[in-house]
Amino acid sequence: MKSRLVNYILTGMILLSTKVYADPIYLDYQASTPVDPRVLESMLPYFTKEFGNPHSTTHIYGIRAHEAIEEARNEVARVINADPQEIIFTSGATEANNLAILGTCRALKKKGKSEVISVTTEHKSVLEPLKALEKEGFKIIILPVQKNGIIKIDDLKKALSSKTALVSVMAANNEIGVLQPIQEIAKLSHKHGALFHTDAAQAFGKIPLDVKKDEIDLLSLSGHKIYGPKGGGALYIRKDIAIVPICYGGGQEKGVRPGTVPTPLCVGLGKASKIAQEELLSESKRLLALRNKMLQLLQNNLPGVIVNGDLNERLPGNLNLSFSGVDSKPLLSSLGDIAVSVGSACTSDTTELSYVIRALDPEGTLPPATVRLSVGRFTTEHDINQAASEIITAVKSLREKDPKGGSRSCRPGDIEELKF
């Protein structure tokens, strides 16, 4: 009896001391996506039953793994209208970007091509390899963007020369969701004898991409942006392009990217690619409606809501907003029930200083409180209504508490500068 009473009391104490927290509404789909249950189901056998090394094709275990990888390669290729043999599996878009930029430029340097052109709003996995190339003697030209986040084609025309090895411009920006005119950029690059690479990590499976029609020479993509597994990505390399490996090993993936190819990750990426292609149009329409509803709710109930970047040439699920009269840190602290990312900040104790927002606003006139809201496959209309309500309440409350809050614009010295 005593023992039973003690157990009862202990159980009660544990229950009383345990708080049940509901997960916040997830509006950060551009950072990462959950693995789609259909994708997970396709992957599971390759962790256990179909565990063979795909390069051990002398027996059935290796053959089945090899066949699964080739089917995944086909699925990825279909999304961008490529030949499956032009797809090289990587660990993600970061590795693909490094391989595309370092590999092609080092190969072309022997031909007197010593210049590379990119854009100030590119992902760090593009900008950092460019810094490495600069140390190797390459001239790096970084183009500015307009206030809407899109480059001026005239700036590219002036920058191109017979020495240009590569032009690298992302298809869709990871912070502001803005779409660059990649077809026009590619055609212009080719007129000057340069190759064109695009970081399509955010665009792949979300907007139509056709490497032939768009004249893309190299394209990077990532699985975890399209409801696939983290650690799986790919690089499209047009079949007639020479590329120097950036690491060496057993010669897998045509000697371009050595190492045992991870069957489960490739299978997951293939399945995610297939689903994305099949649902692209319907999903884009749904996400656009949710995004527009969020923006309408915020603008109808709050003054001083600024959309960063072009609203039309934009991923359907992206919003990047600045709120006047509010500082970033208190705003983020007030949004505990919503998972979002910061787009720009002025103070060092906030989560991130955004060079992307700085590029849109070189004069430093934007309010410091900037938030990226990205909706996705599992976002509901209820999520939008609830998140909008919380943002509106938080911004109004902060403005009432501190009428001068957020009046400090982001000065050039407050935000990380890109130097080449």
Protein backbone atom coordinates (compact mmCIF):
# COMPACT_ATOMS: atom_id res chain seq x y z
CA MET A 1 0.00 0.00 0.00
CA LYS A 2 2.79 2.40 0.98
CA SER A 3 4.76 1.60 -2.17
CA ARG A 4 1.69 2.15 -4.32
CA LEU A 5 1.03 5.51 -2.62
CA VAL A 6 4.62 6.65 -3.16
CA ASN A 7 4.42 5.73 -6.85
CA TYR A 8 1.15 7.61 -7.15
CA ILE A 9 2.61 10.72 -5.54
CA LEU A 10 5.75 10.60 -7.70
CA THR A 11 3.69 10.17 -10.85
CA GLY A 12 1.52 13.12 -9.88
CA MET A 13 4.56 15.29 -9.22
CA ILE A 14 6.03 14.43 -12.63
CA LEU A 15 2.76 15.25 -14.40
CA LEU A 16 2.40 18.54 -12.54
CA SER A 17 5.97 19.58 -13.30
CA THR A 18 5.72 18.71 -16.99
CA LYS A 19 4.37 21.45 -19.22
CA VAL A 20 3.03 20.56 -22.62
CA TYR A 21 4.18 23.02 -25.25
CA ALA A 22 2.54 23.20 -28.65
CA ASP A 23 4.98 23.50 -31.53
CA PRO A 24 5.11 27.00 -33.02
CA ILE A 25 3.62 27.59 -36.46
CA TYR A 26 6.36 26.85 -38.95
CA LEU A 27 6.86 29.66 -41.46
CA ASP A 28 10.50 29.04 -42.31
CA TYR A 29 10.22 26.67 -45.26
CA GLN A 30 13.05 28.39 -47.11
CA ALA A 31 15.44 27.41 -44.34
CA SER A 32 14.42 23.76 -44.45
CA THR A 33 11.43 21.55 -45.08
CA PRO A 34 10.20 18.47 -43.21
CA VAL A 35 10.67 15.20 -45.05
CA ASP A 36 7.45 14.31 -46.83
CA PRO A 37 6.08 11.00 -45.44
CA ARG A 38 6.01 9.65 -49.02
CA VAL A 39 9.70 10.45 -49.35
CA LEU A 40 10.55 8.81 -46.03
CA GLU A 41 8.65 5.67 -47.02
CA SER A 42 10.68 5.39 -50.22
CA MET A 43 13.96 5.73 -48.30
CA LEU A 44 13.43 3.29 -45.44
CA PRO A 45 14.19 0.00 -47.27
CA TYR A 46 17.63 1.31 -48.26
CA PHE A 47 18.70 1.64 -44.65
CA THR A 48 17.98 -2.02 -43.86
CA LYS A 49 16.88 -4.57 -46.46
CA GLU A 50 18.44 -2.88 -49.51
CA PHE A 51 21.68 -1.92 -47.78
CA GLY A 52 24.13 -2.89 -50.53
CA ASN A 53 26.96 -0.70 -51.73
CA PRO A 54 25.77 0.71 -55.09
CA HIS A 55 29.29 0.33 -56.49
CA SER A 56 29.45 -3.38 -55.69
CA THR A 57 27.63 -4.47 -58.83
CA THR A 58 28.98 -8.05 -58.83
CA HIS A 59 26.03 -9.17 -56.70
CA ILE A 60 22.32 -8.49 -56.35
CA TYR A 61 22.61 -6.27 -53.26
CA GLY A 62 24.84 -3.79 -55.05
CA ILE A 63 22.88 -4.05 -58.30
CA ARG A 64 19.58 -3.16 -56.62
CA ALA A 65 21.15 -0.18 -54.84
CA HIS A 66 22.75 0.94 -58.12
CA GLU A 67 19.43 0.69 -59.96
CA ALA A 68 17.67 2.72 -57.26
CA ILE A 69 20.26 5.49 -57.56
CA GLU A 70 19.94 5.58 -61.35
CA GLU A 71 16.16 5.85 -61.06
CA ALA A 72 16.63 8.76 -58.65
CA ARG A 73 19.04 10.36 -61.11
CA ASN A 74 16.33 10.10 -63.77
CA GLU A 75 13.75 11.77 -61.52
CA VAL A 76 16.03 14.70 -60.72
CA ALA A 77 16.89 15.13 -64.40
CA ARG A 78 13.23 15.19 -65.44
CA VAL A 79 12.50 18.24 -63.32
CA ILE A 80 15.01 20.36 -65.25
CA ASN A 81 14.83 18.59 -68.64
CA ALA A 82 18.39 17.27 -68.39
CA ASP A 83 20.05 14.04 -69.45
CA PRO A 84 20.30 11.77 -66.38
CA GLN A 85 24.03 11.34 -67.01
CA GLU A 86 24.45 15.08 -66.52
CA ILE A 87 23.36 14.78 -62.87
CA ILE A 88 26.09 14.37 -60.24
CA PHE A 89 24.93 13.60 -56.70
CA THR A 90 26.43 15.75 -53.93
CA SER A 91 25.84 16.36 -50.22
CA GLY A 92 23.75 19.42 -51.02
CA ALA A 93 23.74 22.75 -52.85
CA THR A 94 26.75 24.08 -50.92
CA GLU A 95 29.01 21.32 -52.21
CA ALA A 96 27.42 21.62 -55.67
CA ASN A 97 28.11 25.37 -55.75
CA ASN A 98 31.72 24.85 -54.70
CA LEU A 99 32.22 22.13 -57.29
CA ALA A 100 30.60 24.16 -60.07
CA ILE A 101 32.52 27.35 -59.36
CA LEU A 102 35.94 26.03 -58.36
CA GLY A 103 35.87 23.09 -60.77
CA THR A 104 34.96 24.99 -63.92
CA CYS A 105 37.04 28.09 -63.25
CA ARG A 106 40.19 26.10 -62.51
CA ALA A 107 39.63 24.13 -65.71
CA LEU A 108 39.14 27.31 -67.76
CA LYS A 109 42.08 29.17 -66.29
CA LYS A 110 44.37 27.22 -68.62
CA LYS A 111 42.52 28.84 -71.54
CA GLY A 112 43.14 32.38 -70.30
CA LYS A 113 39.76 32.77 -68.64
CA SER A 114 40.55 34.63 -65.43
CA GLU A 115 37.40 36.56 -64.49
CA VAL A 116 34.20 35.54 -62.70
CA ILE A 117 30.99 37.54 -62.36
CA SER A 118 28.38 37.14 -59.62
CA VAL A 119 25.88 39.18 -57.61
CA THR A 120 26.05 40.78 -54.17
CA THR A 121 22.92 38.96 -52.95
CA GLU A 122 24.23 35.44 -53.66
CA HIS A 123 24.36 32.73 -50.99
CA LYS A 124 27.60 32.46 -49.02
CA SER A 125 28.27 29.08 -50.65
CA VAL A 126 28.79 31.04 -53.88
CA LEU A 127 30.52 34.10 -52.46
CA GLU A 128 33.05 32.19 -50.36
CA PRO A 129 34.37 30.04 -53.26
CA LEU A 130 34.76 33.28 -55.20
CA LYS A 131 36.97 34.64 -52.43
CA ALA A 132 39.06 31.48 -52.73
CA LEU A 133 39.40 32.01 -56.48
CA GLU A 134 40.46 35.61 -55.92
CA LYS A 135 43.41 34.32 -53.89
CA GLU A 136 44.29 32.12 -56.87
CA GLY A 137 44.54 35.14 -59.14
CA PHE A 138 41.03 35.41 -60.55
CA LYS A 139 39.37 38.80 -60.92
CA ILE A 140 36.01 38.68 -59.15
CA ILE A 141 33.30 41.10 -60.26
CA ILE A 142 30.31 41.43 -57.93
CA LEU A 143 27.30 43.16 -59.48
CA PRO A 144 24.86 45.22 -57.40
CA VAL A 145 21.10 44.76 -57.45
CA GLN A 146 18.34 47.28 -57.83
CA LYS A 147 15.97 48.10 -54.98
CA ASN A 148 13.73 45.27 -56.14
CA GLY A 149 16.60 42.78 -55.79
CA ILE A 150 17.03 42.15 -59.52
CA ILE A 151 20.26 42.89 -61.37
CA LYS A 152 20.51 45.35 -64.24
CA ILE A 153 21.32 43.55 -67.47
CA ASP A 154 23.32 46.59 -68.57
CA ASP A 155 25.63 46.09 -65.59
CA LEU A 156 26.27 42.52 -66.72
CA LYS A 157 26.93 43.66 -70.30
CA LYS A 158 29.57 46.09 -69.06
CA ALA A 159 31.21 43.50 -66.82
CA LEU A 160 31.49 40.70 -69.40
CA SER A 161 34.67 40.29 -71.42
CA SER A 162 36.57 37.69 -73.40
CA LYS A 163 38.31 36.76 -70.12
CA THR A 164 35.08 35.89 -68.30
CA ALA A 165 35.14 32.22 -67.33
CA LEU A 166 31.86 31.97 -65.45
CA VAL A 167 28.78 33.96 -64.54
CA SER A 168 27.03 32.67 -61.39
CA VAL A 169 23.60 34.07 -60.55
CA MET A 170 21.06 32.35 -58.32
CA ALA A 171 17.64 31.58 -59.77
CA ALA A 172 15.71 32.51 -56.60
CA ASN A 173 17.08 34.35 -53.61
CA ASN A 174 17.10 32.52 -50.29
CA GLU A 175 16.03 35.55 -48.24
CA ILE A 176 13.81 37.74 -50.40
CA GLY A 177 12.65 35.05 -52.84
CA VAL A 178 13.31 37.28 -55.85
CA LEU A 179 13.70 35.58 -59.24
CA GLN A 180 16.53 36.67 -61.52
CA PRO A 181 16.15 36.65 -65.34
CA ILE A 182 18.43 33.63 -65.70
CA GLN A 183 17.57 32.87 -69.33
CA GLU A 184 18.55 36.38 -70.40
CA ILE A 185 21.68 36.24 -68.24
CA ALA A 186 22.69 32.87 -69.69
CA LYS A 187 22.23 33.99 -73.31
CA LEU A 188 24.31 37.10 -72.71
CA SER A 189 27.03 35.12 -70.95
CA HIS A 190 27.29 32.71 -73.86
CA LYS A 191 27.64 35.56 -76.36
CA HIS A 192 30.89 36.44 -74.58
CA GLY A 193 32.09 32.84 -74.38
CA ALA A 194 31.39 32.46 -70.65
CA LEU A 195 29.66 29.59 -68.88
CA PHE A 196 26.55 30.19 -66.80
CA HIS A 197 25.91 28.62 -63.38
CA THR A 198 22.85 29.07 -61.23
CA ASP A 199 22.30 28.18 -57.59
CA ALA A 200 18.77 26.79 -57.87
CA ALA A 201 18.47 25.45 -54.32
CA GLN A 202 15.41 27.62 -53.68
CA ALA A 203 13.97 27.42 -57.20
CA PHE A 204 14.23 23.70 -57.98
CA GLY A 205 10.81 22.06 -57.79
CA LYS A 206 9.09 25.38 -57.06
CA ILE A 207 9.22 27.17 -60.40
CA PRO A 208 9.64 25.71 -63.93
CA LEU A 209 13.30 25.18 -64.87
CA ASP A 210 14.58 23.91 -68.22
CA VAL A 211 18.34 23.72 -68.62
CA LYS A 212 18.03 23.52 -72.41
CA LYS A 213 15.53 26.31 -72.91
CA ASP A 214 17.20 28.49 -70.28
CA GLU A 215 20.69 27.68 -71.62
CA ILE A 216 21.99 26.72 -68.18
CA ASP A 217 25.45 25.11 -68.11
CA LEU A 218 25.59 24.21 -64.41
CA LEU A 219 22.81 24.08 -61.82
CA SER A 220 22.97 23.35 -58.08
CA LEU A 221 20.10 21.92 -56.04
CA SER A 222 19.36 20.58 -52.57
CA GLY A 223 17.00 17.90 -51.24
CA HIS A 224 15.96 19.46 -47.96
CA LYS A 225 14.42 22.48 -49.69
CA ILE A 226 11.86 20.23 -51.45
CA TYR A 227 10.79 17.92 -48.59
CA GLY A 228 13.67 15.52 -49.14
CA PRO A 229 16.45 14.51 -46.73
CA LYS A 230 19.24 16.77 -45.55
CA GLY A 231 22.64 15.74 -46.87
CA GLY A 232 21.39 14.99 -50.37
CA GLY A 233 21.78 17.29 -53.36
CA ALA A 234 22.98 17.36 -56.93
CA LEU A 235 24.85 19.32 -59.56
CA TYR A 236 23.78 19.42 -63.19
CA ILE A 237 26.81 19.70 -65.47
CA ARG A 238 26.19 20.03 -69.20
CA LYS A 239 27.77 16.97 -70.78
CA ASP A 240 30.43 18.81 -72.83
CA ILE A 241 31.81 20.86 -69.92
CA ALA A 242 35.17 19.95 -68.42
CA ILE A 243 35.39 20.25 -64.66
CA VAL A 244 38.28 19.74 -62.24
CA PRO A 245 37.38 17.74 -59.09
CA ILE A 246 37.80 19.52 -55.78
CA CYS A 247 38.36 16.25 -53.90
CA TYR A 248 39.74 12.87 -54.92
CA GLY A 249 38.98 9.25 -54.19
CA GLY A 250 37.57 6.18 -55.87
CA GLY A 251 36.30 7.84 -59.02
CA GLN A 252 32.57 7.60 -58.31
CA GLU A 253 30.16 9.95 -60.08
CA LYS A 254 32.33 10.01 -63.21
CA GLY A 255 35.37 10.97 -61.17
CA VAL A 256 33.89 14.38 -60.47
CA ARG A 257 32.62 13.66 -56.96
CA PRO A 258 34.26 10.64 -55.29
CA GLY A 259 32.90 8.70 -52.34
CA THR A 260 30.27 6.01 -51.85
CA VAL A 261 27.00 7.41 -53.11
CA PRO A 262 24.43 7.32 -50.24
CA THR A 263 21.56 5.28 -51.63
CA PRO A 264 18.84 6.35 -49.13
CA LEU A 265 19.57 10.05 -49.63
CA CYS A 266 19.57 9.74 -53.41
CA VAL A 267 16.33 7.74 -53.37
CA GLY A 268 14.77 10.40 -51.12
CA LEU A 269 15.93 13.21 -53.39
CA GLY A 270 14.55 11.36 -56.41
CA LYS A 271 11.16 10.80 -54.80
CA ALA A 272 11.00 14.41 -53.57
CA SER A 273 11.86 15.61 -57.08
CA LYS A 274 9.11 13.47 -58.62
CA ILE A 275 6.49 14.77 -56.18
CA ALA A 276 7.64 18.36 -56.66
CA GLN A 277 7.32 18.07 -60.44
CA GLU A 278 3.90 16.46 -60.29
CA GLU A 279 2.52 19.01 -57.82
CA LEU A 280 4.41 22.12 -58.93
CA LEU A 281 1.54 24.00 -60.56
CA SER A 282 -1.13 23.20 -57.95
CA GLU A 283 1.25 23.77 -55.05
CA SER A 284 2.49 27.09 -56.46
CA LYS A 285 -1.07 28.31 -56.82
CA ARG A 286 -1.93 27.29 -53.25
CA LEU A 287 1.20 28.85 -51.73
CA LEU A 288 0.69 32.08 -53.65
CA ALA A 289 -2.83 32.37 -52.26
CA LEU A 290 -1.58 31.80 -48.69
CA ARG A 291 1.25 34.28 -49.12
CA ASN A 292 -1.06 36.93 -50.54
CA LYS A 293 -3.52 36.41 -47.72
CA MET A 294 -0.77 36.89 -45.14
CA LEU A 295 0.38 40.10 -46.81
CA GLN A 296 -3.17 41.41 -47.11
CA LEU A 297 -3.93 40.73 -43.45
CA LEU A 298 -0.76 42.48 -42.32
CA GLN A 299 -1.10 45.50 -44.59
CA ASN A 300 -4.80 45.93 -43.82
CA ASN A 301 -4.14 45.99 -40.08
CA LEU A 302 -0.70 47.59 -39.81
CA PRO A 303 0.75 50.74 -41.31
CA GLY A 304 4.42 50.73 -42.25
CA VAL A 305 4.69 47.21 -43.68
CA ILE A 306 7.36 47.18 -46.39
CA VAL A 307 7.85 44.32 -48.84
CA ASN A 308 11.54 43.77 -49.56
CA GLY A 309 12.24 42.76 -53.15
CA ASP A 310 10.04 42.54 -56.23
CA LEU A 311 6.60 41.19 -55.31
CA ASN A 312 5.80 39.80 -58.77
CA GLU A 313 9.14 38.22 -59.75
CA ARG A 314 9.22 36.12 -56.60
CA LEU A 315 8.82 32.61 -55.27
CA PRO A 316 5.14 31.97 -54.56
CA GLY A 317 5.71 31.07 -50.90
CA ASN A 318 8.03 33.90 -49.87
CA LEU A 319 7.49 37.17 -48.03
CA ASN A 320 10.30 39.34 -46.68
CA LEU A 321 8.90 42.24 -44.69
CA SER A 322 10.19 45.24 -42.78
CA PHE A 323 8.10 46.84 -40.04
CA SER A 324 8.55 50.52 -39.28
CA GLY A 325 8.66 51.65 -35.67
CA VAL A 326 9.91 48.29 -34.36
CA ASP A 327 13.33 46.84 -33.56
CA SER A 328 14.24 43.28 -34.50
CA LYS A 329 15.09 41.76 -31.14
CA PRO A 330 11.87 42.62 -29.27
CA LEU A 331 9.81 41.65 -32.32
CA LEU A 332 11.40 38.22 -32.51
CA SER A 333 10.99 37.76 -28.77
CA SER A 334 7.29 38.53 -29.15
CA LEU A 335 6.80 35.93 -31.88
CA GLY A 336 7.46 32.85 -29.78
CA ASP A 337 4.55 30.96 -31.34
CA ILE A 338 5.84 31.43 -34.89
CA ALA A 339 9.04 29.98 -36.37
CA VAL A 340 10.45 32.64 -38.72
CA SER A 341 13.83 33.90 -39.89
CA VAL A 342 15.38 37.35 -39.60
CA GLY A 343 16.15 39.07 -42.85
CA SER A 344 18.00 42.10 -41.54
CA ALA A 345 19.19 43.55 -38.25
CA CYS A 346 21.26 46.45 -36.96
CA THR A 347 22.52 45.29 -33.62
CA SER A 348 25.16 42.67 -32.93
CA ASP A 349 23.03 40.80 -30.41
CA THR A 350 20.38 39.84 -32.96
CA THR A 351 20.49 36.53 -34.77
CA GLU A 352 21.92 37.58 -38.12
CA LEU A 353 23.11 40.61 -40.05
CA SER A 354 21.76 40.41 -43.57
CA TYR A 355 23.95 41.58 -46.44
CA VAL A 356 21.05 40.75 -48.78
CA ILE A 357 18.76 43.40 -47.31
CA ARG A 358 21.71 45.78 -47.18
CA ALA A 359 22.19 45.32 -50.93
CA LEU A 360 18.61 46.49 -51.55
CA ASP A 361 19.09 49.50 -49.34
CA PRO A 362 22.66 50.89 -49.61
CA GLU A 363 21.53 54.21 -48.08
CA GLY A 364 20.34 52.43 -44.94
CA THR A 365 16.76 53.74 -44.93
CA LEU A 366 14.88 50.52 -44.19
CA PRO A 367 13.54 49.87 -40.67
CA PRO A 368 15.76 47.44 -38.74
CA ALA A 369 12.99 44.91 -38.03
CA THR A 370 12.92 42.59 -41.03
CA VAL A 371 11.37 39.12 -41.07
CA ARG A 372 11.30 36.35 -43.68
CA LEU A 373 8.02 34.45 -43.80
CA SER A 374 8.00 31.37 -46.03
CA VAL A 375 5.01 29.08 -46.38
CA GLY A 376 5.12 25.50 -47.61
CA ARG A 377 3.42 22.19 -48.29
CA PHE A 378 2.03 21.73 -44.78
CA THR A 379 1.01 25.35 -44.12
CA THR A 380 -2.73 25.79 -43.64
CA GLU A 381 -5.04 28.77 -43.90
CA HIS A 382 -5.53 28.50 -40.13
CA ASP A 383 -1.75 28.87 -39.70
CA ILE A 384 -1.81 32.06 -41.78
CA ASN A 385 -4.69 33.58 -39.82
CA GLN A 386 -3.12 32.75 -36.47
CA ALA A 387 0.38 33.89 -37.44
CA ALA A 388 -0.88 37.14 -38.94
CA SER A 389 -2.87 37.84 -35.78
CA GLU A 390 0.18 37.28 -33.59
CA ILE A 391 2.42 39.48 -35.75
CA ILE A 392 -0.16 42.28 -35.78
CA THR A 393 -0.58 42.11 -32.01
CA ALA A 394 3.19 42.04 -31.43
CA VAL A 395 3.95 45.00 -33.71
CA LYS A 396 1.12 47.13 -32.29
CA SER A 397 2.17 46.35 -28.73
CA LEU A 398 5.81 47.21 -29.38
CA ARG A 399 4.89 50.47 -31.10
CA GLU A 400 2.73 51.48 -28.14
CA LYS A 401 5.46 50.65 -25.63
CA ASP A 402 8.18 52.48 -27.54
CA PRO A 403 6.85 55.01 -30.07
CA LYS A 404 10.43 55.77 -31.16
CA GLY A 405 11.41 52.14 -31.50
CA GLY A 406 12.75 51.13 -34.88
CA SER A 407 13.34 54.74 -35.86
CA ARG A 408 17.03 53.97 -36.25
CA SER A 409 17.61 52.99 -39.84
CA CYS A 410 20.31 50.46 -40.67
CA ARG A 411 23.47 52.41 -41.30
CA PRO A 412 26.08 51.02 -43.72
CA GLY A 413 28.48 50.34 -40.88
CA ASP A 414 25.92 48.29 -38.96
CA ILE A 415 25.67 45.51 -41.49
CA GLU A 416 28.27 43.12 -42.80
CA GLU A 417 29.88 44.35 -46.01
CA LEU A 418 31.09 42.07 -48.78
CA LYS A 419 34.66 42.78 -49.78
CA PHE A 420 36.52 41.37 -52.74
